[in-house]
Amino acid sequence: MLTQVVRFAEPVWFMVSVLRRGAKHVLNMLKWHPEHRFEEYVILVVHRGAPNNRVELSLKGVELGRGGVILPGDVEIPYHRILEVRRKDGVKLWGKQG
């Protein structure tokens, strides 16, 4: 659930459809949207062995691959492991439901 609305140029119906989609779609939109800087966002991912099995990663230097995000050093995180997409100031844009 959104904690704060992040303004986009698209109409509300477009935003509702985006937020109901998966992490890949949301990240792709952020990467190419002219009003947003991709590196100003972070993702929360499942990482076994980390505290609470979660780790927050900056999107700076991250590429979007077919099956996941590709971190510097060619480390790939599958999209299904992404739990949340947030701005660096903590505003949640998207979260996995369930």
N, C-alpha and C. Protein backbone atom coordinates (compact mmCIF):
# COMPACT_ATOMS: atom_id res chain seq x y z
N MET A 1 0.84 -1.18 0.00
CA MET A 1 0.00 0.00 0.00
C MET A 1 0.89 1.24 0.00
N LEU A 2 0.49 2.25 -0.72
CA LEU A 2 1.26 3.49 -0.80
C LEU A 2 1.19 4.24 0.52
N THR A 3 2.32 4.77 0.95
CA THR A 3 2.34 5.60 2.15
C THR A 3 2.25 7.07 1.77
N GLN A 4 2.61 7.39 0.55
CA GLN A 4 2.53 8.76 0.05
C GLN A 4 2.46 8.68 -1.47
N VAL A 5 1.70 9.56 -2.07
CA VAL A 5 1.56 9.54 -3.52
C VAL A 5 2.76 10.22 -4.16
N VAL A 6 3.38 9.56 -5.11
CA VAL A 6 4.49 10.13 -5.86
C VAL A 6 3.92 10.64 -7.18
N ARG A 7 4.15 11.90 -7.49
CA ARG A 7 3.53 12.53 -8.66
C ARG A 7 4.20 12.09 -9.97
N PHE A 8 3.37 11.69 -10.90
CA PHE A 8 3.79 11.37 -12.25
C PHE A 8 2.93 12.18 -13.20
N ALA A 9 3.38 12.33 -14.42
CA ALA A 9 2.63 13.12 -15.40
C ALA A 9 1.42 12.37 -15.96
N GLU A 10 1.42 11.04 -15.86
CA GLU A 10 0.34 10.25 -16.43
C GLU A 10 -0.94 10.38 -15.61
N PRO A 11 -2.08 10.09 -16.25
CA PRO A 11 -3.36 10.12 -15.54
C PRO A 11 -3.43 9.05 -14.45
N VAL A 12 -4.38 9.23 -13.54
CA VAL A 12 -4.53 8.32 -12.40
C VAL A 12 -4.76 6.88 -12.86
N TRP A 13 -5.57 6.64 -13.88
CA TRP A 13 -5.84 5.27 -14.32
C TRP A 13 -4.55 4.57 -14.73
N PHE A 14 -3.60 5.33 -15.31
CA PHE A 14 -2.33 4.75 -15.69
C PHE A 14 -1.54 4.33 -14.46
N MET A 15 -1.52 5.20 -13.44
CA MET A 15 -0.76 4.91 -12.23
C MET A 15 -1.33 3.70 -11.50
N VAL A 16 -2.63 3.57 -11.45
CA VAL A 16 -3.24 2.41 -10.80
C VAL A 16 -2.82 1.13 -11.50
N SER A 17 -2.81 1.14 -12.82
CA SER A 17 -2.41 -0.06 -13.56
C SER A 17 -0.93 -0.37 -13.34
N VAL A 18 -0.09 0.66 -13.23
CA VAL A 18 1.34 0.45 -12.99
C VAL A 18 1.57 -0.16 -11.62
N LEU A 19 0.91 0.37 -10.60
CA LEU A 19 1.15 -0.10 -9.24
C LEU A 19 0.60 -1.50 -9.01
N ARG A 20 -0.30 -1.96 -9.84
CA ARG A 20 -0.81 -3.32 -9.73
C ARG A 20 0.09 -4.31 -10.46
N ARG A 21 1.02 -3.82 -11.23
CA ARG A 21 1.94 -4.69 -11.96
C ARG A 21 3.13 -5.03 -11.09
N GLY A 22 4.05 -5.78 -11.66
CA GLY A 22 5.19 -6.23 -10.90
C GLY A 22 6.33 -5.23 -10.85
N ALA A 23 7.36 -5.62 -10.10
CA ALA A 23 8.53 -4.77 -9.89
C ALA A 23 9.21 -4.41 -11.21
N LYS A 24 9.28 -5.35 -12.13
CA LYS A 24 9.96 -5.09 -13.41
C LYS A 24 9.31 -3.91 -14.13
N HIS A 25 8.00 -3.89 -14.18
CA HIS A 25 7.29 -2.81 -14.86
C HIS A 25 7.52 -1.47 -14.16
N VAL A 26 7.44 -1.46 -12.84
CA VAL A 26 7.63 -0.23 -12.07
C VAL A 26 9.05 0.30 -12.26
N LEU A 27 10.06 -0.57 -12.18
CA LEU A 27 11.45 -0.14 -12.35
C LEU A 27 11.70 0.37 -13.76
N ASN A 28 11.13 -0.29 -14.75
CA ASN A 28 11.29 0.16 -16.13
C ASN A 28 10.69 1.55 -16.32
N MET A 29 9.52 1.78 -15.73
CA MET A 29 8.89 3.09 -15.82
C MET A 29 9.77 4.16 -15.16
N LEU A 30 10.33 3.85 -13.99
CA LEU A 30 11.18 4.82 -13.30
C LEU A 30 12.45 5.12 -14.11
N LYS A 31 13.00 4.10 -14.72
CA LYS A 31 14.25 4.29 -15.48
C LYS A 31 14.05 5.23 -16.65
N TRP A 32 12.90 5.17 -17.31
CA TRP A 32 12.69 5.94 -18.53
C TRP A 32 11.80 7.15 -18.37
N HIS A 33 11.22 7.36 -17.20
CA HIS A 33 10.33 8.51 -17.00
C HIS A 33 11.16 9.78 -16.89
N PRO A 34 10.84 10.82 -17.66
CA PRO A 34 11.66 12.03 -17.67
C PRO A 34 11.66 12.83 -16.36
N GLU A 35 10.66 12.63 -15.50
CA GLU A 35 10.60 13.40 -14.26
C GLU A 35 11.26 12.70 -13.07
N HIS A 36 11.82 11.51 -13.27
CA HIS A 36 12.40 10.77 -12.16
C HIS A 36 13.82 10.35 -12.47
N ARG A 37 14.63 10.33 -11.43
CA ARG A 37 16.02 9.88 -11.56
C ARG A 37 16.12 8.50 -10.93
N PHE A 38 16.43 7.52 -11.75
CA PHE A 38 16.47 6.11 -11.34
C PHE A 38 17.35 5.90 -10.11
N GLU A 39 18.47 6.61 -10.05
CA GLU A 39 19.42 6.42 -8.95
C GLU A 39 18.92 6.99 -7.62
N GLU A 40 17.79 7.69 -7.62
CA GLU A 40 17.22 8.22 -6.39
C GLU A 40 16.29 7.22 -5.71
N TYR A 41 16.25 6.00 -6.22
CA TYR A 41 15.37 4.96 -5.67
C TYR A 41 16.20 3.80 -5.13
N VAL A 42 15.60 3.05 -4.22
CA VAL A 42 16.21 1.85 -3.66
C VAL A 42 15.19 0.72 -3.75
N ILE A 43 15.70 -0.50 -3.70
CA ILE A 43 14.82 -1.67 -3.66
C ILE A 43 15.12 -2.47 -2.40
N LEU A 44 14.10 -3.07 -1.84
CA LEU A 44 14.23 -3.99 -0.72
C LEU A 44 14.07 -5.38 -1.29
N VAL A 45 15.08 -6.23 -1.08
CA VAL A 45 15.05 -7.57 -1.68
C VAL A 45 15.23 -8.65 -0.62
N VAL A 46 14.75 -9.85 -0.94
CA VAL A 46 14.98 -11.02 -0.10
C VAL A 46 16.43 -11.43 -0.28
N HIS A 47 17.15 -11.54 0.84
CA HIS A 47 18.56 -11.95 0.81
C HIS A 47 18.79 -12.85 2.02
N ARG A 48 18.78 -14.14 1.78
CA ARG A 48 18.91 -15.09 2.89
C ARG A 48 20.25 -14.91 3.60
N GLY A 49 20.18 -14.87 4.92
CA GLY A 49 21.38 -14.68 5.73
C GLY A 49 21.56 -13.26 6.22
N ALA A 50 20.90 -12.30 5.59
CA ALA A 50 20.94 -10.90 6.04
C ALA A 50 19.97 -10.75 7.21
N PRO A 51 20.12 -9.69 8.01
CA PRO A 51 19.14 -9.46 9.08
C PRO A 51 17.72 -9.42 8.52
N ASN A 52 16.83 -10.19 9.12
CA ASN A 52 15.44 -10.33 8.66
C ASN A 52 15.34 -10.86 7.23
N ASN A 53 16.41 -11.43 6.72
CA ASN A 53 16.47 -11.96 5.35
C ASN A 53 16.13 -10.91 4.29
N ARG A 54 16.45 -9.65 4.59
CA ARG A 54 16.18 -8.55 3.65
C ARG A 54 17.38 -7.62 3.59
N VAL A 55 17.57 -7.02 2.43
CA VAL A 55 18.62 -6.03 2.26
C VAL A 55 18.11 -4.94 1.32
N GLU A 56 18.51 -3.69 1.60
CA GLU A 56 18.12 -2.55 0.77
C GLU A 56 19.28 -2.22 -0.16
N LEU A 57 18.98 -2.08 -1.45
CA LEU A 57 20.00 -1.81 -2.46
C LEU A 57 19.67 -0.55 -3.23
N SER A 58 20.67 0.28 -3.45
CA SER A 58 20.51 1.47 -4.27
C SER A 58 20.41 1.07 -5.73
N LEU A 59 19.68 1.84 -6.51
CA LEU A 59 19.57 1.56 -7.94
C LEU A 59 20.66 2.26 -8.75
N LYS A 60 21.56 2.97 -8.08
CA LYS A 60 22.66 3.62 -8.78
C LYS A 60 23.55 2.56 -9.43
N GLY A 61 23.74 2.68 -10.72
CA GLY A 61 24.58 1.74 -11.46
C GLY A 61 23.91 0.42 -11.79
N VAL A 62 22.63 0.29 -11.49
CA VAL A 62 21.89 -0.95 -11.74
C VAL A 62 21.30 -0.93 -13.15
N GLU A 63 21.36 -2.06 -13.81
CA GLU A 63 20.74 -2.23 -15.13
C GLU A 63 19.54 -3.15 -14.99
N LEU A 64 18.59 -3.01 -15.89
CA LEU A 64 17.42 -3.88 -15.89
C LEU A 64 17.62 -4.98 -16.92
N GLY A 65 17.63 -6.21 -16.45
CA GLY A 65 17.78 -7.35 -17.35
C GLY A 65 16.44 -8.00 -17.62
N ARG A 66 16.47 -9.05 -18.39
CA ARG A 66 15.24 -9.76 -18.74
C ARG A 66 14.61 -10.43 -17.51
N GLY A 67 15.44 -11.05 -16.66
CA GLY A 67 14.91 -11.79 -15.52
C GLY A 67 15.15 -11.16 -14.17
N GLY A 68 15.87 -10.03 -14.14
CA GLY A 68 16.15 -9.39 -12.86
C GLY A 68 16.98 -8.14 -13.03
N VAL A 69 17.28 -7.50 -11.89
CA VAL A 69 18.14 -6.32 -11.92
C VAL A 69 19.58 -6.79 -11.87
N ILE A 70 20.45 -6.09 -12.58
CA ILE A 70 21.86 -6.47 -12.65
C ILE A 70 22.66 -5.40 -11.92
N LEU A 71 23.26 -5.80 -10.81
CA LEU A 71 24.06 -4.90 -9.98
C LEU A 71 25.46 -4.76 -10.56
N PRO A 72 26.17 -3.70 -10.16
CA PRO A 72 27.58 -3.61 -10.57
C PRO A 72 28.32 -4.88 -10.16
N GLY A 73 29.17 -5.38 -11.03
CA GLY A 73 29.87 -6.63 -10.78
C GLY A 73 29.12 -7.82 -11.37
N ASP A 74 28.10 -7.54 -12.18
CA ASP A 74 27.30 -8.57 -12.86
C ASP A 74 26.57 -9.53 -11.92
N VAL A 75 26.16 -9.03 -10.76
CA VAL A 75 25.34 -9.82 -9.83
C VAL A 75 23.88 -9.57 -10.21
N GLU A 76 23.13 -10.64 -10.45
CA GLU A 76 21.73 -10.49 -10.85
C GLU A 76 20.80 -10.89 -9.72
N ILE A 77 19.82 -10.02 -9.44
CA ILE A 77 18.78 -10.28 -8.45
C ILE A 77 17.47 -10.48 -9.23
N PRO A 78 16.85 -11.66 -9.13
CA PRO A 78 15.60 -11.89 -9.87
C PRO A 78 14.49 -10.93 -9.42
N TYR A 79 13.64 -10.54 -10.35
CA TYR A 79 12.56 -9.60 -10.04
C TYR A 79 11.65 -10.14 -8.95
N HIS A 80 11.43 -11.45 -8.89
CA HIS A 80 10.51 -11.98 -7.89
C HIS A 80 11.03 -11.84 -6.46
N ARG A 81 12.31 -11.52 -6.29
CA ARG A 81 12.86 -11.30 -4.94
C ARG A 81 12.71 -9.86 -4.46
N ILE A 82 12.27 -8.97 -5.33
CA ILE A 82 12.09 -7.57 -4.94
C ILE A 82 10.79 -7.44 -4.16
N LEU A 83 10.90 -6.89 -2.95
CA LEU A 83 9.74 -6.72 -2.07
C LEU A 83 9.16 -5.32 -2.14
N GLU A 84 10.02 -4.31 -2.30
CA GLU A 84 9.56 -2.91 -2.33
C GLU A 84 10.45 -2.08 -3.23
N VAL A 85 9.86 -1.00 -3.75
CA VAL A 85 10.60 0.04 -4.46
C VAL A 85 10.28 1.33 -3.71
N ARG A 86 11.34 2.04 -3.26
CA ARG A 86 11.16 3.28 -2.50
C ARG A 86 12.12 4.34 -2.99
N ARG A 87 11.74 5.60 -2.71
CA ARG A 87 12.70 6.68 -2.90
C ARG A 87 13.69 6.59 -1.74
N LYS A 88 14.85 7.20 -1.91
CA LYS A 88 15.87 7.17 -0.86
C LYS A 88 15.40 7.86 0.42
N ASP A 89 14.42 8.76 0.32
CA ASP A 89 13.91 9.42 1.52
C ASP A 89 12.87 8.57 2.25
N GLY A 90 12.64 7.34 1.77
CA GLY A 90 11.76 6.41 2.46
C GLY A 90 10.34 6.32 1.93
N VAL A 91 9.98 7.16 0.97
CA VAL A 91 8.62 7.12 0.42
C VAL A 91 8.46 5.85 -0.43
N LYS A 92 7.52 5.01 -0.05
CA LYS A 92 7.28 3.74 -0.74
C LYS A 92 6.46 3.98 -2.00
N LEU A 93 6.98 3.50 -3.12
CA LEU A 93 6.28 3.64 -4.40
C LEU A 93 5.51 2.37 -4.73
N TRP A 94 6.13 1.23 -4.48
CA TRP A 94 5.52 -0.05 -4.84
C TRP A 94 5.94 -1.09 -3.81
N GLY A 95 5.06 -2.01 -3.51
CA GLY A 95 5.38 -3.12 -2.62
C GLY A 95 4.65 -4.37 -3.04
N LYS A 96 5.32 -5.50 -2.84
CA LYS A 96 4.71 -6.78 -3.16
C LYS A 96 3.59 -7.05 -2.17
N GLN A 97 2.46 -7.46 -2.66
CA GLN A 97 1.33 -7.75 -1.77
C GLN A 97 1.38 -9.20 -1.34
N GLY A 98 0.94 -9.43 -0.11
CA GLY A 98 0.84 -10.81 0.36
C GLY A 98 1.84 -11.22 1.32
